[in-house]
């Protein structure tokens, strides 16, 4: 009985082994699907080509705007010194370079002031027209109260309606006041002759 029992046990074991072998050989072979590998895309490198270096074949021209040049211009100018005189006899000998006849008036003009200017113009036009034309003599009529004439008023030290001669000799301008303007303003002939004679003295002496 023992032998029969062992034989059955052996048969069962062999049967199980065969069954396992058969099951293994019949099962389909499953090949694992490879997982696609996603490689990171490379970051494109910007193509930055170096700029060509300019080749200087000749020196660049320098313009005045690039290099400021300071130019000092020396202008020769005659300096005139002003000197006041009370009498024409104080004039030095020598050639007269210029005579300036200056008549000052107030802003509000009276008939006598206007007449004095008229007689002054008449005297110069009648006896010294050539000198006026050549520039040897000039006539200036100025409002003494106008601020624009302040420098001229200071130069002649003028006040009120008045008449002056500015006589240039040897680089010095001699200022002479014509006081007879009001002593002869009521007489046209005396006024004209008096002013004429004074100017003649300036040019030709006593």
C-alpha atoms as a PDB file:
ATOM      1  CA  UNK A   1       0.000   0.000   0.000  1.00  0.00           C
ATOM      2  CA  UNK A   2       2.832   2.292   0.758  1.00  0.00           C
ATOM      3  CA  UNK A   3       4.309   1.751  -2.647  1.00  0.00           C
ATOM      4  CA  UNK A   4       1.032   2.569  -4.362  1.00  0.00           C
ATOM      5  CA  UNK A   5       0.699   5.735  -2.380  1.00  0.00           C
ATOM      6  CA  UNK A   6       4.197   6.897  -3.324  1.00  0.00           C
ATOM      7  CA  UNK A   7       3.559   6.109  -6.971  1.00  0.00           C
ATOM      8  CA  UNK A   8       0.474   8.271  -6.989  1.00  0.00           C
ATOM      9  CA  UNK A   9       2.388  11.093  -5.359  1.00  0.00           C
ATOM     10  CA  UNK A  10       5.079  10.938  -7.995  1.00  0.00           C
ATOM     11  CA  UNK A  11       2.491  10.963 -10.766  1.00  0.00           C
ATOM     12  CA  UNK A  12       0.846  14.053  -9.278  1.00  0.00           C
ATOM     13  CA  UNK A  13       4.130  15.904  -9.048  1.00  0.00           C
ATOM     14  CA  UNK A  14       5.074  15.009 -12.610  1.00  0.00           C
ATOM     15  CA  UNK A  15       1.673  16.128 -13.786  1.00  0.00           C
ATOM     16  CA  UNK A  16       2.029  19.472 -12.038  1.00  0.00           C
ATOM     17  CA  UNK A  17       5.482  20.005 -13.519  1.00  0.00           C
ATOM     18  CA  UNK A  18       4.220  19.263 -17.015  1.00  0.00           C
ATOM     19  CA  UNK A  19       1.276  21.571 -16.536  1.00  0.00           C
ATOM     20  CA  UNK A  20       3.530  24.436 -15.454  1.00  0.00           C
ATOM     21  CA  UNK A  21       5.870  23.864 -18.392  1.00  0.00           C
ATOM     22  CA  UNK A  22       2.965  23.777 -20.799  1.00  0.00           C
ATOM     23  CA  UNK A  23       1.429  26.938 -19.420  1.00  0.00           C
ATOM     24  CA  UNK A  24       4.716  28.761 -19.643  1.00  0.00           C
ATOM     25  CA  UNK A  25       5.381  27.777 -23.236  1.00  0.00           C
ATOM     26  CA  UNK A  26       1.867  28.751 -24.407  1.00  0.00           C
ATOM     27  CA  UNK A  27       1.691  32.159 -22.769  1.00  0.00           C
ATOM     28  CA  UNK A  28       2.310  35.071 -25.246  1.00  0.00           C
ATOM     29  CA  UNK A  29       5.562  36.892 -24.862  1.00  0.00           C
ATOM     30  CA  UNK A  30       4.873  40.515 -23.915  1.00  0.00           C
ATOM     31  CA  UNK A  31       7.632  42.850 -25.055  1.00  0.00           C
ATOM     32  CA  UNK A  32       7.628  46.008 -23.002  1.00  0.00           C
ATOM     33  CA  UNK A  33       7.035  49.116 -25.124  1.00  0.00           C
ATOM     34  CA  UNK A  34       9.968  51.396 -24.755  1.00  0.00           C
ATOM     35  CA  UNK A  35       9.082  54.760 -23.282  1.00  0.00           C
ATOM     36  CA  UNK A  36      10.029  57.517 -25.766  1.00  0.00           C
ATOM     37  CA  UNK A  37      12.731  59.629 -24.405  1.00  0.00           C
ATOM     38  CA  UNK A  38      11.926  63.335 -24.850  1.00  0.00           C
ATOM     39  CA  UNK A  39      15.206  65.140 -24.972  1.00  0.00           C
ATOM     40  CA  UNK A  40      15.053  68.873 -24.200  1.00  0.00           C
ATOM     41  CA  UNK A  41      15.451  71.009 -27.289  1.00  0.00           C
ATOM     42  CA  UNK A  42      18.630  73.020 -27.285  1.00  0.00           C
ATOM     43  CA  UNK A  43      18.171  76.765 -26.774  1.00  0.00           C
ATOM     44  CA  UNK A  44      19.119  78.497 -29.998  1.00  0.00           C
ATOM     45  CA  UNK A  45      22.094  80.763 -29.551  1.00  0.00           C
ATOM     46  CA  UNK A  46      21.524  84.195 -31.168  1.00  0.00           C
ATOM     47  CA  UNK A  47      23.879  84.698 -33.995  1.00  0.00           C
ATOM     48  CA  UNK A  48      25.467  87.975 -32.992  1.00  0.00           C
ATOM     49  CA  UNK A  49      28.135  88.625 -35.497  1.00  0.00           C
ATOM     50  CA  UNK A  50      30.749  91.184 -34.412  1.00  0.00           C
ATOM     51  CA  UNK A  51      30.489  94.502 -36.212  1.00  0.00           C
ATOM     52  CA  UNK A  52      33.317  95.130 -38.592  1.00  0.00           C
ATOM     53  CA  UNK A  53      35.867  97.603 -37.295  1.00  0.00           C
ATOM     54  CA  UNK A  54      36.034 100.617 -39.633  1.00  0.00           C
ATOM     55  CA  UNK A  55      39.381 101.093 -41.183  1.00  0.00           C
ATOM     56  CA  UNK A  56      40.544 104.727 -41.275  1.00  0.00           C
ATOM     57  CA  UNK A  57      42.605 105.224 -44.354  1.00  0.00           C
ATOM     58  CA  UNK A  58      43.115 108.981 -43.906  1.00  0.00           C
ATOM     59  CA  UNK A  59      42.904 111.415 -40.957  1.00  0.00           C
ATOM     60  CA  UNK A  60      39.489 112.906 -40.288  1.00  0.00           C
ATOM     61  CA  UNK A  61      39.146 116.593 -41.032  1.00  0.00           C
ATOM     62  CA  UNK A  62      38.670 118.809 -37.999  1.00  0.00           C
ATOM     63  CA  UNK A  63      35.959 121.416 -38.384  1.00  0.00           C
ATOM     64  CA  UNK A  64      35.805 124.726 -36.488  1.00  0.00           C
ATOM     65  CA  UNK A  65      32.761 123.397 -34.598  1.00  0.00           C
ATOM     66  CA  UNK A  66      34.785 120.519 -33.151  1.00  0.00           C
ATOM     67  CA  UNK A  67      37.726 122.586 -31.975  1.00  0.00           C
ATOM     68  CA  UNK A  68      36.697 126.095 -30.910  1.00  0.00           C
ATOM     69  CA  UNK A  69      39.315 128.659 -31.720  1.00  0.00           C
ATOM     70  CA  UNK A  70      39.394 131.867 -29.729  1.00  0.00           C
ATOM     71  CA  UNK A  71      40.425 134.778 -31.888  1.00  0.00           C
ATOM     72  CA  UNK A  72      41.314 138.040 -30.238  1.00  0.00           C
ATOM     73  CA  UNK A  73      40.897 140.977 -32.549  1.00  0.00           C
ATOM     74  CA  UNK A  74      42.772 144.084 -31.525  1.00  0.00           C
ATOM     75  CA  UNK A  75      41.156 147.250 -32.774  1.00  0.00           C
ATOM     76  CA  UNK A  76      43.177 150.399 -32.596  1.00  0.00           C
ATOM     77  CA  UNK A  77      41.020 153.211 -31.332  1.00  0.00           C
ATOM     78  CA  UNK A  78      41.898 156.826 -30.826  1.00  0.00           C
ATOM     79  CA  UNK A  79      41.242 157.937 -27.265  1.00  0.00           C
ATOM     80  CA  UNK A  80      39.870 161.459 -27.017  1.00  0.00           C
ATOM     81  CA  UNK A  81      40.257 163.373 -23.752  1.00  0.00           C
ATOM     82  CA  UNK A  82      37.646 165.992 -22.973  1.00  0.00           C
ATOM     83  CA  UNK A  83      38.660 169.367 -21.547  1.00  0.00           C
ATOM     84  CA  UNK A  84      36.392 172.316 -20.836  1.00  0.00           C
ATOM     85  CA  UNK A  85      37.528 175.850 -21.703  1.00  0.00           C
ATOM     86  CA  UNK A  86      35.863 179.215 -20.983  1.00  0.00           C
ATOM     87  CA  UNK A  87      37.514 181.203 -23.760  1.00  0.00           C
ATOM     88  CA  UNK A  88      38.607 180.305 -27.278  1.00  0.00           C
ATOM     89  CA  UNK A  89      41.992 181.846 -26.574  1.00  0.00           C
ATOM     90  CA  UNK A  90      42.709 178.743 -24.482  1.00  0.00           C
ATOM     91  CA  UNK A  91      42.777 176.598 -27.601  1.00  0.00           C
ATOM     92  CA  UNK A  92      46.268 175.360 -28.499  1.00  0.00           C
ATOM     93  CA  UNK A  93      47.780 175.996 -31.912  1.00  0.00           C
ATOM     94  CA  UNK A  94      47.366 173.288 -34.480  1.00  0.00           C
ATOM     95  CA  UNK A  95      44.985 171.899 -37.044  1.00  0.00           C
ATOM     96  CA  UNK A  96      41.352 171.443 -36.086  1.00  0.00           C
ATOM     97  CA  UNK A  97      40.346 167.832 -36.614  1.00  0.00           C
ATOM     98  CA  UNK A  98      36.620 168.212 -36.029  1.00  0.00           C
ATOM     99  CA  UNK A  99      34.037 170.672 -34.701  1.00  0.00           C
ATOM    100  CA  UNK A 100      30.790 169.448 -33.167  1.00  0.00           C
ATOM    101  CA  UNK A 101      28.041 172.041 -32.695  1.00  0.00           C
ATOM    102  CA  UNK A 102      25.608 170.774 -30.060  1.00  0.00           C
ATOM    103  CA  UNK A 103      22.318 172.425 -29.176  1.00  0.00           C
ATOM    104  CA  UNK A 104      20.431 171.156 -26.118  1.00  0.00           C
ATOM    105  CA  UNK A 105      16.754 171.856 -25.513  1.00  0.00           C
ATOM    106  CA  UNK A 106      14.033 170.836 -23.060  1.00  0.00           C
ATOM    107  CA  UNK A 107      11.285 168.370 -23.927  1.00  0.00           C
ATOM    108  CA  UNK A 108       8.708 171.158 -23.728  1.00  0.00           C
ATOM    109  CA  UNK A 109      10.111 173.775 -26.068  1.00  0.00           C
ATOM    110  CA  UNK A 110       9.392 177.493 -25.957  1.00  0.00           C
ATOM    111  CA  UNK A 111       9.386 179.825 -29.008  1.00  0.00           C
ATOM    112  CA  UNK A 112      12.815 181.253 -28.040  1.00  0.00           C
ATOM    113  CA  UNK A 113      14.311 177.739 -27.885  1.00  0.00           C
ATOM    114  CA  UNK A 114      12.967 176.856 -31.304  1.00  0.00           C
ATOM    115  CA  UNK A 115      14.259 180.146 -32.725  1.00  0.00           C
ATOM    116  CA  UNK A 116      17.752 179.543 -31.320  1.00  0.00           C
ATOM    117  CA  UNK A 117      17.898 176.187 -33.111  1.00  0.00           C
ATOM    118  CA  UNK A 118      16.707 177.755 -36.368  1.00  0.00           C
ATOM    119  CA  UNK A 119      19.379 180.475 -36.243  1.00  0.00           C
ATOM    120  CA  UNK A 120      22.085 177.933 -35.444  1.00  0.00           C
ATOM    121  CA  UNK A 121      21.127 175.835 -38.463  1.00  0.00           C
ATOM    122  CA  UNK A 122      20.954 178.925 -40.659  1.00  0.00           C
ATOM    123  CA  UNK A 123      24.441 180.037 -39.618  1.00  0.00           C
ATOM    124  CA  UNK A 124      26.011 176.689 -40.378  1.00  0.00           C
ATOM    125  CA  UNK A 125      24.175 176.260 -43.667  1.00  0.00           C
ATOM    126  CA  UNK A 126      25.143 179.734 -44.839  1.00  0.00           C
ATOM    127  CA  UNK A 127      28.819 179.867 -43.864  1.00  0.00           C
ATOM    128  CA  UNK A 128      29.989 176.301 -43.208  1.00  0.00           C
ATOM    129  CA  UNK A 129      28.000 174.128 -45.606  1.00  0.00           C
ATOM    130  CA  UNK A 130      31.170 172.669 -47.145  1.00  0.00           C
ATOM    131  CA  UNK A 131      32.569 171.626 -43.781  1.00  0.00           C
ATOM    132  CA  UNK A 132      29.251 170.017 -42.851  1.00  0.00           C
ATOM    133  CA  UNK A 133      29.226 168.120 -46.129  1.00  0.00           C
ATOM    134  CA  UNK A 134      32.822 166.916 -45.766  1.00  0.00           C
ATOM    135  CA  UNK A 135      32.283 165.785 -42.170  1.00  0.00           C
ATOM    136  CA  UNK A 136      34.730 168.316 -40.691  1.00  0.00           C
ATOM    137  CA  UNK A 137      31.781 169.775 -38.782  1.00  0.00           C
ATOM    138  CA  UNK A 138      28.570 168.246 -37.432  1.00  0.00           C
ATOM    139  CA  UNK A 139      25.390 169.543 -35.847  1.00  0.00           C
ATOM    140  CA  UNK A 140      23.707 167.693 -32.983  1.00  0.00           C
ATOM    141  CA  UNK A 141      20.308 168.726 -31.566  1.00  0.00           C
ATOM    142  CA  UNK A 142      19.414 166.793 -28.415  1.00  0.00           C
ATOM    143  CA  UNK A 143      16.675 166.744 -25.787  1.00  0.00           C
ATOM    144  CA  UNK A 144      18.494 167.297 -22.501  1.00  0.00           C
ATOM    145  CA  UNK A 145      15.719 165.506 -20.572  1.00  0.00           C
ATOM    146  CA  UNK A 146      15.798 162.356 -22.676  1.00  0.00           C
ATOM    147  CA  UNK A 147      17.610 159.543 -20.788  1.00  0.00           C
ATOM    148  CA  UNK A 148      19.080 158.323 -24.093  1.00  0.00           C
ATOM    149  CA  UNK A 149      21.123 161.533 -24.249  1.00  0.00           C
ATOM    150  CA  UNK A 150      22.541 161.173 -20.727  1.00  0.00           C
ATOM    151  CA  UNK A 151      26.084 160.471 -21.923  1.00  0.00           C
ATOM    152  CA  UNK A 152      26.073 163.508 -24.230  1.00  0.00           C
ATOM    153  CA  UNK A 153      24.666 165.724 -21.491  1.00  0.00           C
ATOM    154  CA  UNK A 154      27.349 164.548 -19.072  1.00  0.00           C
ATOM    155  CA  UNK A 155      30.088 165.064 -21.635  1.00  0.00           C
ATOM    156  CA  UNK A 156      29.149 168.714 -22.156  1.00  0.00           C
ATOM    157  CA  UNK A 157      28.005 169.265 -18.556  1.00  0.00           C
ATOM    158  CA  UNK A 158      24.898 170.839 -20.018  1.00  0.00           C
ATOM    159  CA  UNK A 159      21.836 172.160 -18.217  1.00  0.00           C
ATOM    160  CA  UNK A 160      18.801 173.812 -19.756  1.00  0.00           C
ATOM    161  CA  UNK A 161      18.685 175.040 -23.358  1.00  0.00           C
ATOM    162  CA  UNK A 162      22.290 175.723 -24.354  1.00  0.00           C
ATOM    163  CA  UNK A 163      24.736 175.723 -27.260  1.00  0.00           C
ATOM    164  CA  UNK A 164      28.240 174.209 -27.207  1.00  0.00           C
ATOM    165  CA  UNK A 165      31.189 173.709 -29.515  1.00  0.00           C
ATOM    166  CA  UNK A 166      33.211 170.521 -29.217  1.00  0.00           C
ATOM    167  CA  UNK A 167      36.592 171.237 -30.833  1.00  0.00           C
ATOM    168  CA  UNK A 168      38.981 168.323 -31.420  1.00  0.00           C
ATOM    169  CA  UNK A 169      42.686 169.149 -31.637  1.00  0.00           C
ATOM    170  CA  UNK A 170      45.569 166.757 -31.156  1.00  0.00           C
ATOM    171  CA  UNK A 171      43.347 164.010 -29.726  1.00  0.00           C
ATOM    172  CA  UNK A 172      41.781 166.341 -27.135  1.00  0.00           C
ATOM    173  CA  UNK A 173      38.198 167.601 -27.392  1.00  0.00           C
ATOM    174  CA  UNK A 174      37.802 171.099 -25.996  1.00  0.00           C
ATOM    175  CA  UNK A 175      34.301 171.943 -24.813  1.00  0.00           C
ATOM    176  CA  UNK A 176      33.347 175.608 -25.162  1.00  0.00           C
ATOM    177  CA  UNK A 177      29.904 177.021 -24.192  1.00  0.00           C
ATOM    178  CA  UNK A 178      28.430 179.686 -26.467  1.00  0.00           C
ATOM    179  CA  UNK A 179      26.973 182.024 -23.859  1.00  0.00           C
ATOM    180  CA  UNK A 180      25.881 184.631 -26.405  1.00  0.00           C
ATOM    181  CA  UNK A 181      23.017 182.408 -27.498  1.00  0.00           C
ATOM    182  CA  UNK A 182      20.540 184.213 -25.243  1.00  0.00           C
ATOM    183  CA  UNK A 183      22.169 187.631 -25.472  1.00  0.00           C
ATOM    184  CA  UNK A 184      21.557 187.766 -29.224  1.00  0.00           C
ATOM    185  CA  UNK A 185      18.532 185.489 -29.671  1.00  0.00           C
ATOM    186  CA  UNK A 186      16.242 188.510 -30.201  1.00  0.00           C
ATOM    187  CA  UNK A 187      18.392 189.778 -33.082  1.00  0.00           C
ATOM    188  CA  UNK A 188      18.873 187.375 -35.976  1.00  0.00           C
ATOM    189  CA  UNK A 189      21.777 189.267 -37.559  1.00  0.00           C
ATOM    190  CA  UNK A 190      23.734 189.574 -34.309  1.00  0.00           C
ATOM    191  CA  UNK A 191      23.159 185.927 -33.473  1.00  0.00           C
ATOM    192  CA  UNK A 192      24.364 184.695 -36.868  1.00  0.00           C
ATOM    193  CA  UNK A 193      27.406 186.996 -36.972  1.00  0.00           C
ATOM    194  CA  UNK A 194      28.397 186.190 -33.388  1.00  0.00           C
ATOM    195  CA  UNK A 195      28.270 182.405 -33.922  1.00  0.00           C
ATOM    196  CA  UNK A 196      29.992 182.695 -37.299  1.00  0.00           C
ATOM    197  CA  UNK A 197      32.860 184.749 -35.863  1.00  0.00           C
ATOM    198  CA  UNK A 198      33.392 182.312 -32.980  1.00  0.00           C
ATOM    199  CA  UNK A 199      33.665 179.363 -35.374  1.00  0.00           C
ATOM    200  CA  UNK A 200      36.082 181.312 -37.601  1.00  0.00           C
ATOM    201  CA  UNK A 201      38.283 181.900 -34.552  1.00  0.00           C
ATOM    202  CA  UNK A 202      38.242 178.143 -33.908  1.00  0.00           C
ATOM    203  CA  UNK A 203      39.599 177.414 -37.372  1.00  0.00           C
ATOM    204  CA  UNK A 204      41.819 180.431 -38.000  1.00  0.00           C
ATOM    205  CA  UNK A 205      42.540 181.948 -34.615  1.00  0.00           C
ATOM    206  CA  UNK A 206      42.073 185.568 -33.501  1.00  0.00           C
END
